[in-house]
PDB file of N, CA and C in Angstrom:
ATOM      1  N   MET A   1     -66.228  29.625   4.346  1.00  0.00           N
ATOM      2  CA  MET A   1     -66.253  28.602   3.276  1.00  0.00           C
ATOM      3  C   MET A   1     -64.268  27.906   3.600  1.00  0.00           C
ATOM      4  N   ALA A   2     -64.900  26.435   3.459  1.00  0.00           N
ATOM      5  CA  ALA A   2     -63.337  25.912   3.834  1.00  0.00           C
ATOM      6  C   ALA A   2     -63.061  25.664   2.252  1.00  0.00           C
ATOM      7  N   LEU A   3     -61.545  25.812   2.247  1.00  0.00           N
ATOM      8  CA  LEU A   3     -60.736  25.839   1.302  1.00  0.00           C
ATOM      9  C   LEU A   3     -60.542  23.915   0.402  1.00  0.00           C
ATOM     10  N   VAL A   4     -61.271  24.290  -0.833  1.00  0.00           N
ATOM     11  CA  VAL A   4     -60.633  23.214  -1.640  1.00  0.00           C
ATOM     12  C   VAL A   4     -59.466  22.344  -1.471  1.00  0.00           C
ATOM     13  N   GLY A   5     -59.352  20.980  -1.248  1.00  0.00           N
ATOM     14  CA  GLY A   5     -57.937  20.606  -1.172  1.00  0.00           C
ATOM     15  C   GLY A   5     -57.204  21.224  -0.137  1.00  0.00           C
ATOM     16  N   ILE A   6     -57.970  21.416   1.086  1.00  0.00           N
ATOM     17  CA  ILE A   6     -56.856  21.638   2.064  1.00  0.00           C
ATOM     18  C   ILE A   6     -57.740  20.590   3.646  1.00  0.00           C
ATOM     19  N   SER A   7     -57.406  20.373   4.258  1.00  0.00           N
ATOM     20  CA  SER A   7     -57.680  19.747   5.368  1.00  0.00           C
ATOM     21  C   SER A   7     -57.007  20.014   6.784  1.00  0.00           C
ATOM     22  N   GLU A   8     -57.664  19.776   7.592  1.00  0.00           N
ATOM     23  CA  GLU A   8     -56.870  20.097   9.403  1.00  0.00           C
ATOM     24  C   GLU A   8     -55.690  19.392   9.402  1.00  0.00           C
ATOM     25  N   ASP A   9     -55.650  18.360   8.556  1.00  0.00           N
ATOM     26  CA  ASP A   9     -54.566  17.705   8.968  1.00  0.00           C
ATOM     27  C   ASP A   9     -53.538  18.305   8.385  1.00  0.00           C
ATOM     28  N   GLU A  10     -53.831  19.067   7.264  1.00  0.00           N
ATOM     29  CA  GLU A  10     -52.490  20.069   6.422  1.00  0.00           C
ATOM     30  C   GLU A  10     -52.146  21.223   7.305  1.00  0.00           C
ATOM     31  N   LEU A  11     -52.925  21.663   8.729  1.00  0.00           N
ATOM     32  CA  LEU A  11     -52.233  22.817   8.982  1.00  0.00           C
ATOM     33  C   LEU A  11     -51.212  22.046  10.412  1.00  0.00           C
ATOM     34  N   TYR A  12     -52.108  21.255  10.428  1.00  0.00           N
ATOM     35  CA  TYR A  12     -51.138  20.696  11.691  1.00  0.00           C
ATOM     36  C   TYR A  12     -49.223  20.441  11.935  1.00  0.00           C
ATOM     37  N   ARG A  13     -48.893  19.887  10.790  1.00  0.00           N
ATOM     38  CA  ARG A  13     -46.956  19.776  10.525  1.00  0.00           C
ATOM     39  C   ARG A  13     -47.086  21.358  10.425  1.00  0.00           C
ATOM     40  N   PRO A  14     -47.375  22.284   9.789  1.00  0.00           N
ATOM     41  CA  PRO A  14     -46.245  23.889  10.113  1.00  0.00           C
ATOM     42  C   PRO A  14     -46.538  24.313  11.365  1.00  0.00           C
ATOM     43  N   VAL A  15     -47.536  24.047  11.957  1.00  0.00           N
ATOM     44  CA  VAL A  15     -47.820  24.503  13.412  1.00  0.00           C
ATOM     45  C   VAL A  15     -47.096  23.287  14.270  1.00  0.00           C
ATOM     46  N   ALA A  16     -46.817  22.301  14.687  1.00  0.00           N
ATOM     47  CA  ALA A  16     -46.156  21.495  15.124  1.00  0.00           C
ATOM     48  C   ALA A  16     -44.823  21.673  14.628  1.00  0.00           C
ATOM     49  N   ASP A  17     -44.547  22.258  13.970  1.00  0.00           N
ATOM     50  CA  ASP A  17     -42.955  22.468  13.559  1.00  0.00           C
ATOM     51  C   ASP A  17     -42.473  23.761  13.989  1.00  0.00           C
ATOM     52  N   TYR A  18     -43.303  24.797  13.828  1.00  0.00           N
ATOM     53  CA  TYR A  18     -43.291  26.238  14.320  1.00  0.00           C
ATOM     54  C   TYR A  18     -43.118  26.062  15.588  1.00  0.00           C
ATOM     55  N   LEU A  19     -43.972  25.331  16.022  1.00  0.00           N
ATOM     56  CA  LEU A  19     -43.465  25.212  18.369  1.00  0.00           C
ATOM     57  C   LEU A  19     -42.435  24.370  18.581  1.00  0.00           C
ATOM     58  N   ALA A  20     -42.146  23.386  17.929  1.00  0.00           N
ATOM     59  CA  ALA A  20     -41.106  22.648  18.190  1.00  0.00           C
ATOM     60  C   ALA A  20     -39.647  23.335  17.865  1.00  0.00           C
ATOM     61  N   ALA A  21     -39.706  24.309  16.513  1.00  0.00           N
ATOM     62  CA  ALA A  21     -38.439  24.940  17.205  1.00  0.00           C
ATOM     63  C   ALA A  21     -38.525  25.636  17.780  1.00  0.00           C
ATOM     64  N   GLN A  22     -39.577  26.667  18.652  1.00  0.00           N
ATOM     65  CA  GLN A  22     -39.490  27.273  19.437  1.00  0.00           C
ATOM     66  C   GLN A  22     -39.141  26.564  21.462  1.00  0.00           C
ATOM     67  N   GLY A  23     -39.000  25.932  20.758  1.00  0.00           N
ATOM     68  CA  GLY A  23     -38.657  24.929  22.302  1.00  0.00           C
ATOM     69  C   GLY A  23     -39.824  23.925  22.924  1.00  0.00           C
ATOM     70  N   TYR A  24     -40.748  23.780  22.197  1.00  0.00           N
ATOM     71  CA  TYR A  24     -41.691  23.384  22.908  1.00  0.00           C
ATOM     72  C   TYR A  24     -42.256  21.811  22.403  1.00  0.00           C
ATOM     73  N   SER A  25     -42.962  20.736  23.360  1.00  0.00           N
ATOM     74  CA  SER A  25     -42.611  19.697  23.148  1.00  0.00           C
ATOM     75  C   SER A  25     -44.454  19.419  22.863  1.00  0.00           C
ATOM     76  N   VAL A  26     -44.643  18.812  21.684  1.00  0.00           N
ATOM     77  CA  VAL A  26     -45.758  19.155  20.438  1.00  0.00           C
ATOM     78  C   VAL A  26     -46.539  17.421  20.812  1.00  0.00           C
ATOM     79  N   GLN A  27     -47.445  17.939  20.860  1.00  0.00           N
ATOM     80  CA  GLN A  27     -48.550  16.432  21.248  1.00  0.00           C
ATOM     81  C   GLN A  27     -49.956  16.747  20.280  1.00  0.00           C
ATOM     82  N   ARG A  28     -50.660  15.900  19.614  1.00  0.00           N
ATOM     83  CA  ARG A  28     -52.079  16.149  19.023  1.00  0.00           C
ATOM     84  C   ARG A  28     -52.890  15.576  19.417  1.00  0.00           C
ATOM     85  N   GLU A  29     -54.089  15.511  19.298  1.00  0.00           N
ATOM     86  CA  GLU A  29     -56.045  15.409  19.589  1.00  0.00           C
ATOM     87  C   GLU A  29     -55.064  15.099  21.451  1.00  0.00           C
ATOM     88  N   VAL A  30     -54.749  15.711  22.191  1.00  0.00           N
ATOM     89  CA  VAL A  30     -55.144  15.653  23.571  1.00  0.00           C
ATOM     90  C   VAL A  30     -56.092  16.363  23.964  1.00  0.00           C
ATOM     91  N   GLN A  31     -57.137  15.327  24.964  1.00  0.00           N
ATOM     92  CA  GLN A  31     -58.189  15.957  25.678  1.00  0.00           C
ATOM     93  C   GLN A  31     -59.675  16.908  24.682  1.00  0.00           C
ATOM     94  N   GLY A  32     -59.392  16.541  23.338  1.00  0.00           N
ATOM     95  CA  GLY A  32     -60.260  16.820  22.818  1.00  0.00           C
ATOM     96  C   GLY A  32     -59.425  18.189  21.774  1.00  0.00           C
ATOM     97  N   CYS A  33     -58.003  18.740  22.610  1.00  0.00           N
ATOM     98  CA  CYS A  33     -57.613  19.945  21.862  1.00  0.00           C
ATOM     99  C   CYS A  33     -56.717  19.380  20.291  1.00  0.00           C
ATOM    100  N   ASP A  34     -57.171  19.912  19.971  1.00  0.00           N
ATOM    101  CA  ASP A  34     -55.864  19.570  18.282  1.00  0.00           C
ATOM    102  C   ASP A  34     -54.592  19.296  18.377  1.00  0.00           C
ATOM    103  N   LEU A  35     -54.011  20.456  19.078  1.00  0.00           N
ATOM    104  CA  LEU A  35     -52.941  20.278  19.666  1.00  0.00           C
ATOM    105  C   LEU A  35     -52.362  20.682  21.019  1.00  0.00           C
ATOM    106  N   ILE A  36     -51.462  19.948  21.484  1.00  0.00           N
ATOM    107  CA  ILE A  36     -51.188  21.081  22.968  1.00  0.00           C
ATOM    108  C   ILE A  36     -49.613  20.863  22.817  1.00  0.00           C
ATOM    109  N   ALA A  37     -49.090  21.722  23.493  1.00  0.00           N
ATOM    110  CA  ALA A  37     -47.460  22.031  23.278  1.00  0.00           C
ATOM    111  C   ALA A  37     -47.494  22.905  24.981  1.00  0.00           C
ATOM    112  N   THR A  38     -45.901  22.154  25.032  1.00  0.00           N
ATOM    113  CA  THR A  38     -45.591  22.307  26.682  1.00  0.00           C
ATOM    114  C   THR A  38     -43.993  22.868  26.655  1.00  0.00           C
ATOM    115  N   ARG A  39     -44.006  23.901  27.528  1.00  0.00           N
ATOM    116  CA  ARG A  39     -42.094  24.323  27.210  1.00  0.00           C
ATOM    117  C   ARG A  39     -42.095  24.806  28.753  1.00  0.00           C
ATOM    118  N   SER A  40     -41.237  23.840  29.887  1.00  0.00           N
ATOM    119  CA  SER A  40     -41.330  23.862  31.170  1.00  0.00           C
ATOM    120  C   SER A  40     -42.359  24.242  31.821  1.00  0.00           C
ATOM    121  N   ASP A  41     -43.149  25.241  32.441  1.00  0.00           N
ATOM    122  CA  ASP A  41     -44.347  24.735  32.930  1.00  0.00           C
ATOM    123  C   ASP A  41     -45.698  25.301  31.885  1.00  0.00           C
ATOM    124  N   GLU A  42     -44.941  25.788  31.426  1.00  0.00           N
ATOM    125  CA  GLU A  42     -46.283  26.529  30.102  1.00  0.00           C
ATOM    126  C   GLU A  42     -47.010  25.508  29.387  1.00  0.00           C
ATOM    127  N   LEU A  43     -48.538  25.697  29.112  1.00  0.00           N
ATOM    128  CA  LEU A  43     -49.199  24.821  28.327  1.00  0.00           C
ATOM    129  C   LEU A  43     -50.023  25.718  27.383  1.00  0.00           C
ATOM    130  N   ILE A  44     -49.718  25.253  25.693  1.00  0.00           N
ATOM    131  CA  ILE A  44     -50.667  26.144  25.237  1.00  0.00           C
ATOM    132  C   ILE A  44     -51.465  24.792  24.389  1.00  0.00           C
ATOM    133  N   ALA A  45     -52.887  25.798  23.763  1.00  0.00           N
ATOM    134  CA  ALA A  45     -53.829  24.966  23.076  1.00  0.00           C
ATOM    135  C   ALA A  45     -53.508  25.456  21.788  1.00  0.00           C
ATOM    136  N   VAL A  46     -53.880  24.923  20.241  1.00  0.00           N
ATOM    137  CA  VAL A  46     -54.186  25.161  19.347  1.00  0.00           C
ATOM    138  C   VAL A  46     -54.901  24.493  18.856  1.00  0.00           C
ATOM    139  N   GLU A  47     -56.415  24.994  18.544  1.00  0.00           N
ATOM    140  CA  GLU A  47     -57.404  24.819  17.704  1.00  0.00           C
ATOM    141  C   GLU A  47     -57.338  24.827  16.025  1.00  0.00           C
ATOM    142  N   LEU A  48     -56.946  24.081  15.494  1.00  0.00           N
ATOM    143  CA  LEU A  48     -56.637  23.342  13.534  1.00  0.00           C
ATOM    144  C   LEU A  48     -58.015  23.837  12.985  1.00  0.00           C
ATOM    145  N   LYS A  49     -58.048  24.855  12.246  1.00  0.00           N
ATOM    146  CA  LYS A  49     -59.419  24.735  11.808  1.00  0.00           C
ATOM    147  C   LYS A  49     -59.526  25.548  10.142  1.00  0.00           C
ATOM    148  N   LEU A  50     -60.370  24.925   9.554  1.00  0.00           N
ATOM    149  CA  LEU A  50     -60.026  25.795   7.958  1.00  0.00           C
ATOM    150  C   LEU A  50     -61.162  26.618   8.136  1.00  0.00           C
ATOM    151  N   ARG A  51     -62.279  26.845   8.758  1.00  0.00           N
ATOM    152  CA  ARG A  51     -62.745  28.207   8.485  1.00  0.00           C
ATOM    153  C   ARG A  51     -62.608  28.577  10.123  1.00  0.00           C
ATOM    154  N   PHE A  52     -62.942  30.444  10.066  1.00  0.00           N
ATOM    155  CA  PHE A  52     -63.675  31.027  11.663  1.00  0.00           C
ATOM    156  C   PHE A  52     -65.096  31.224  11.726  1.00  0.00           C
ATOM    157  N   GLY A  53     -65.261  29.874  11.905  1.00  0.00           N
ATOM    158  CA  GLY A  53     -66.310  30.068  12.410  1.00  0.00           C
ATOM    159  C   GLY A  53     -66.836  30.330  13.982  1.00  0.00           C
ATOM    160  N   LEU A  54     -68.034  30.672  14.465  1.00  0.00           N
ATOM    161  CA  LEU A  54     -68.295  31.026  15.654  1.00  0.00           C
ATOM    162  C   LEU A  54     -68.008  29.293  16.369  1.00  0.00           C
ATOM    163  N   SER A  55     -68.501  28.536  16.476  1.00  0.00           N
ATOM    164  CA  SER A  55     -67.775  27.091  17.163  1.00  0.00           C
ATOM    165  C   SER A  55     -66.513  26.964  17.587  1.00  0.00           C
ATOM    166  N   VAL A  56     -65.497  27.388  16.345  1.00  0.00           N
ATOM    167  CA  VAL A  56     -64.235  27.406  16.953  1.00  0.00           C
ATOM    168  C   VAL A  56     -63.863  28.061  17.866  1.00  0.00           C
ATOM    169  N   ARG A  57     -64.598  29.944  17.667  1.00  0.00           N
ATOM    170  CA  ARG A  57     -63.956  30.631  18.960  1.00  0.00           C
ATOM    171  C   ARG A  57     -64.755  30.293  20.441  1.00  0.00           C
ATOM    172  N   VAL A  58     -65.773  29.620  20.201  1.00  0.00           N
ATOM    173  CA  VAL A  58     -66.158  28.739  21.681  1.00  0.00           C
ATOM    174  C   VAL A  58     -65.121  27.838  22.168  1.00  0.00           C
ATOM    175  N   GLN A  59     -65.110  26.605  21.351  1.00  0.00           N
ATOM    176  CA  GLN A  59     -64.144  25.954  21.737  1.00  0.00           C
ATOM    177  C   GLN A  59     -63.056  26.751  22.482  1.00  0.00           C
ATOM    178  N   ALA A  60     -62.197  27.396  21.489  1.00  0.00           N
ATOM    179  CA  ALA A  60     -60.673  28.378  21.873  1.00  0.00           C
ATOM    180  C   ALA A  60     -61.020  29.039  23.398  1.00  0.00           C
ATOM    181  N   VAL A  61     -62.508  29.680  24.226  1.00  0.00           N
ATOM    182  CA  VAL A  61     -62.676  30.380  25.069  1.00  0.00           C
ATOM    183  C   VAL A  61     -62.911  29.240  26.173  1.00  0.00           C
ATOM    184  N   GLU A  62     -63.618  28.272  25.635  1.00  0.00           N
ATOM    185  CA  GLU A  62     -63.574  27.320  26.540  1.00  0.00           C
ATOM    186  C   GLU A  62     -62.055  26.855  27.110  1.00  0.00           C
ATOM    187  N   ARG A  63     -61.198  26.361  26.092  1.00  0.00           N
ATOM    188  CA  ARG A  63     -60.054  25.861  26.448  1.00  0.00           C
ATOM    189  C   ARG A  63     -58.934  26.379  27.638  1.00  0.00           C
ATOM    190  N   GLN A  64     -59.205  28.042  27.642  1.00  0.00           N
ATOM    191  CA  GLN A  64     -58.715  28.926  27.968  1.00  0.00           C
ATOM    192  C   GLN A  64     -58.605  28.623  29.714  1.00  0.00           C
ATOM    193  N   GLU A  65     -59.798  27.905  29.730  1.00  0.00           N
ATOM    194  CA  GLU A  65     -59.890  27.267  31.623  1.00  0.00           C
ATOM    195  C   GLU A  65     -58.708  26.560  31.780  1.00  0.00           C
ATOM    196  N   ALA A  66     -58.124  25.518  30.821  1.00  0.00           N
ATOM    197  CA  ALA A  66     -57.501  24.332  31.623  1.00  0.00           C
ATOM    198  C   ALA A  66     -55.794  24.834  30.676  1.00  0.00           C
ATOM    199  N   VAL A  67     -55.061  25.601  30.245  1.00  0.00           N
ATOM    200  CA  VAL A  67     -54.363  25.940  29.616  1.00  0.00           C
ATOM    201  C   VAL A  67     -53.907  27.319  29.489  1.00  0.00           C
ATOM    202  N   ASP A  68     -52.491  27.904  29.805  1.00  0.00           N
ATOM    203  CA  ASP A  68     -51.797  29.213  29.428  1.00  0.00           C
ATOM    204  C   ASP A  68     -52.161  29.945  28.512  1.00  0.00           C
ATOM    205  N   SER A  69     -52.462  29.570  27.684  1.00  0.00           N
ATOM    206  CA  SER A  69     -52.696  30.729  26.272  1.00  0.00           C
ATOM    207  C   SER A  69     -53.673  29.373  24.706  1.00  0.00           C
ATOM    208  N   VAL A  70     -54.604  30.343  24.354  1.00  0.00           N
ATOM    209  CA  VAL A  70     -54.781  29.433  23.307  1.00  0.00           C
ATOM    210  C   VAL A  70     -54.936  30.252  21.624  1.00  0.00           C
ATOM    211  N   TYR A  71     -54.794  29.172  21.179  1.00  0.00           N
ATOM    212  CA  TYR A  71     -54.652  29.625  19.739  1.00  0.00           C
ATOM    213  C   TYR A  71     -55.295  29.162  18.330  1.00  0.00           C
ATOM    214  N   ILE A  72     -55.749  29.779  17.741  1.00  0.00           N
ATOM    215  CA  ILE A  72     -56.536  29.278  16.290  1.00  0.00           C
ATOM    216  C   ILE A  72     -55.734  29.521  15.459  1.00  0.00           C
ATOM    217  N   ALA A  73     -55.877  28.244  14.747  1.00  0.00           N
ATOM    218  CA  ALA A  73     -54.517  28.476  13.340  1.00  0.00           C
ATOM    219  C   ALA A  73     -55.614  27.822  12.581  1.00  0.00           C
ATOM    220  N   ILE A  74     -55.793  28.642  11.198  1.00  0.00           N
ATOM    221  CA  ILE A  74     -56.379  28.672  10.043  1.00  0.00           C
ATOM    222  C   ILE A  74     -55.464  28.968   9.001  1.00  0.00           C
ATOM    223  N   SER A  75     -55.694  28.533   7.671  1.00  0.00           N
ATOM    224  CA  SER A  75     -55.292  28.609   6.588  1.00  0.00           C
ATOM    225  C   SER A  75     -54.890  30.418   6.146  1.00  0.00           C
ATOM    226  N   ARG A  76     -53.876  30.883   5.950  1.00  0.00           N
ATOM    227  CA  ARG A  76     -53.379  32.084   5.497  1.00  0.00           C
ATOM    228  C   ARG A  76     -54.718  32.406   4.451  1.00  0.00           C
ATOM    229  N   PRO A  77     -55.496  33.618   4.540  1.00  0.00           N
ATOM    230  CA  PRO A  77     -56.183  33.694   3.548  1.00  0.00           C
ATOM    231  C   PRO A  77     -55.466  34.622   2.135  1.00  0.00           C
ATOM    232  N   LYS A  78     -56.204  34.297   1.237  1.00  0.00           N
ATOM    233  CA  LYS A  78     -55.135  34.297   0.072  1.00  0.00           C
ATOM    234  C   LYS A  78     -55.318  36.141  -0.460  1.00  0.00           C
ATOM    235  N   ARG A  79     -55.791  36.914   0.258  1.00  0.00           N
ATOM    236  CA  ARG A  79     -55.081  38.528   0.183  1.00  0.00           C
ATOM    237  C   ARG A  79     -54.329  38.706   1.356  1.00  0.00           C
ATOM    238  N   GLY A  80     -53.587  37.831   2.301  1.00  0.00           N
ATOM    239  CA  GLY A  80     -52.806  38.094   3.039  1.00  0.00           C
ATOM    240  C   GLY A  80     -53.905  38.757   4.308  1.00  0.00           C
ATOM    241  N   ILE A  81     -52.970  39.547   5.051  1.00  0.00           N
ATOM    242  CA  ILE A  81     -53.529  40.931   5.871  1.00  0.00           C
ATOM    243  C   ILE A  81     -54.405  41.946   5.328  1.00  0.00           C
ATOM    244  N   ARG A  82     -54.265  41.577   4.069  1.00  0.00           N
ATOM    245  CA  ARG A  82     -55.138  42.795   3.849  1.00  0.00           C
ATOM    246  C   ARG A  82     -57.046  42.279   3.275  1.00  0.00           C
ATOM    247  N   ASP A  83     -56.800  41.184   4.208  1.00  0.00           N
ATOM    248  CA  ASP A  83     -58.243  41.032   3.814  1.00  0.00           C
ATOM    249  C   ASP A  83     -59.043  41.220   4.786  1.00  0.00           C
ATOM    250  N   TRP A  84     -60.084  42.210   5.033  1.00  0.00           N
ATOM    251  CA  TRP A  84     -60.554  43.266   5.521  1.00  0.00           C
ATOM    252  C   TRP A  84     -60.834  41.896   6.886  1.00  0.00           C
ATOM    253  N   ARG A  85     -61.883  40.954   7.019  1.00  0.00           N
ATOM    254  CA  ARG A  85     -62.404  39.654   7.679  1.00  0.00           C
ATOM    255  C   ARG A  85     -61.018  39.616   8.632  1.00  0.00           C
ATOM    256  N   LEU A  86     -59.666  39.179   8.042  1.00  0.00           N
ATOM    257  CA  LEU A  86     -58.954  38.995   9.099  1.00  0.00           C
ATOM    258  C   LEU A  86     -58.528  40.212  10.377  1.00  0.00           C
ATOM    259  N   HIS A  87     -58.855  41.584   9.504  1.00  0.00           N
ATOM    260  CA  HIS A  87     -58.688  42.711  10.476  1.00  0.00           C
ATOM    261  C   HIS A  87     -59.717  42.328  12.087  1.00  0.00           C
ATOM    262  N   SER A  88     -60.954  42.015  11.337  1.00  0.00           N
ATOM    263  CA  SER A  88     -62.267  41.702  12.312  1.00  0.00           C
ATOM    264  C   SER A  88     -61.778  40.509  13.193  1.00  0.00           C
ATOM    265  N   TYR A  89     -61.563  39.413  12.481  1.00  0.00           N
ATOM    266  CA  TYR A  89     -61.392  38.887  13.192  1.00  0.00           C
ATOM    267  C   TYR A  89     -60.033  39.115  14.550  1.00  0.00           C
ATOM    268  N   LEU A  90     -59.020  39.756  14.405  1.00  0.00           N
ATOM    269  CA  LEU A  90     -57.782  40.055  15.223  1.00  0.00           C
ATOM    270  C   LEU A  90     -58.987  40.759  16.327  1.00  0.00           C
ATOM    271  N   HIS A  91     -59.253  41.739  15.497  1.00  0.00           N
ATOM    272  CA  HIS A  91     -60.251  42.530  17.187  1.00  0.00           C
ATOM    273  C   HIS A  91     -60.880  41.865  17.921  1.00  0.00           C
ATOM    274  N   LEU A  92     -61.448  40.956  17.370  1.00  0.00           N
ATOM    275  CA  LEU A  92     -62.551  40.106  18.252  1.00  0.00           C
ATOM    276  C   LEU A  92     -61.415  39.135  19.142  1.00  0.00           C
ATOM    277  N   LEU A  93     -60.149  38.439  18.696  1.00  0.00           N
ATOM    278  CA  LEU A  93     -59.446  37.452  19.222  1.00  0.00           C
ATOM    279  C   LEU A  93     -58.699  38.181  20.491  1.00  0.00           C
ATOM    280  N   ARG A  94     -58.527  39.497  20.223  1.00  0.00           N
ATOM    281  CA  ARG A  94     -57.611  40.593  20.676  1.00  0.00           C
ATOM    282  C   ARG A  94     -59.117  40.374  22.003  1.00  0.00           C
ATOM    283  N   ARG A  95     -60.071  40.605  21.883  1.00  0.00           N
ATOM    284  CA  ARG A  95     -60.899  40.725  23.138  1.00  0.00           C
ATOM    285  C   ARG A  95     -61.121  39.961  23.569  1.00  0.00           C
ATOM    286  N   LEU A  96     -61.180  38.311  23.170  1.00  0.00           N
ATOM    287  CA  LEU A  96     -61.054  37.219  24.176  1.00  0.00           C
ATOM    288  C   LEU A  96     -60.259  36.902  24.557  1.00  0.00           C
ATOM    289  N   GLU A  97     -58.845  37.233  24.039  1.00  0.00           N
ATOM    290  CA  GLU A  97     -57.501  37.162  24.855  1.00  0.00           C
ATOM    291  C   GLU A  97     -57.059  35.828  24.066  1.00  0.00           C
ATOM    292  N   LEU A  98     -57.269  35.415  22.864  1.00  0.00           N
ATOM    293  CA  LEU A  98     -56.732  34.173  21.938  1.00  0.00           C
ATOM    294  C   LEU A  98     -55.563  34.783  21.191  1.00  0.00           C
ATOM    295  N   GLY A  99     -55.112  33.999  20.517  1.00  0.00           N
ATOM    296  CA  GLY A  99     -54.088  34.020  20.040  1.00  0.00           C
ATOM    297  C   GLY A  99     -54.203  33.607  18.269  1.00  0.00           C
ATOM    298  N   LEU A 100     -53.852  33.963  16.933  1.00  0.00           N
ATOM    299  CA  LEU A 100     -54.000  33.747  16.150  1.00  0.00           C
ATOM    300  C   LEU A 100     -53.078  33.239  15.318  1.00  0.00           C
ATOM    301  N   VAL A 101     -52.699  32.275  14.277  1.00  0.00           N
ATOM    302  CA  VAL A 101     -51.846  31.451  13.626  1.00  0.00           C
ATOM    303  C   VAL A 101     -52.218  31.795  12.208  1.00  0.00           C
ATOM    304  N   LEU A 102     -51.771  32.038  11.660  1.00  0.00           N
ATOM    305  CA  LEU A 102     -52.191  32.159   9.914  1.00  0.00           C
ATOM    306  C   LEU A 102     -50.803  31.245   9.363  1.00  0.00           C
ATOM    307  N   VAL A 103     -51.356  30.119   8.802  1.00  0.00           N
ATOM    308  CA  VAL A 103     -50.832  28.677   8.023  1.00  0.00           C
ATOM    309  C   VAL A 103     -51.013  28.600   6.546  1.00  0.00           C
ATOM    310  N   GLU A 104     -49.326  28.843   5.922  1.00  0.00           N
ATOM    311  CA  GLU A 104     -49.415  28.734   4.917  1.00  0.00           C
ATOM    312  C   GLU A 104     -49.588  27.169   3.882  1.00  0.00           C
ATOM    313  N   CYS A 105     -50.679  27.382   3.612  1.00  0.00           N
ATOM    314  CA  CYS A 105     -50.779  25.844   2.405  1.00  0.00           C
ATOM    315  C   CYS A 105     -50.478  25.977   1.727  1.00  0.00           C
ATOM    316  N   LEU A 106     -49.797  24.928   0.951  1.00  0.00           N
ATOM    317  CA  LEU A 106     -49.252  25.219  -0.513  1.00  0.00           C
ATOM    318  C   LEU A 106     -50.204  23.491  -0.962  1.00  0.00           C
ATOM    319  N   LEU A 107     -50.807  23.969  -2.156  1.00  0.00           N
ATOM    320  CA  LEU A 107     -51.463  22.723  -2.645  1.00  0.00           C
ATOM    321  C   LEU A 107     -50.252  22.586  -3.996  1.00  0.00           C
ATOM    322  N   GLY A 108     -50.357  21.135  -3.767  1.00  0.00           N
ATOM    323  CA  GLY A 108     -49.549  20.654  -4.689  1.00  0.00           C
ATOM    324  C   GLY A 108     -49.511  20.050  -5.827  1.00  0.00           C
TER     325      GLY A 108
END
């Protein structure tokens, strides 16, 4: 279920700012990837999504062929880490060797 009032664009800035603070050079929309970040010879891709659906998991796995690390960035669940779905997501992502970024979206 998508969050009302939140767009993928609103996920971009917090993730880009975080990566830039870690020393990465960040670019938006590179060859179909929502966000690409580079540091030295390290290349990571981040898929920004409102929902943790099957399509984002498939997309992220496909990105693994071209980059060193792949992350999926989603809006932080209202219940935070206590959300039972989040635990299921984390288990699956570990098995797929994907990372998860939870973004705090503040509605204005």
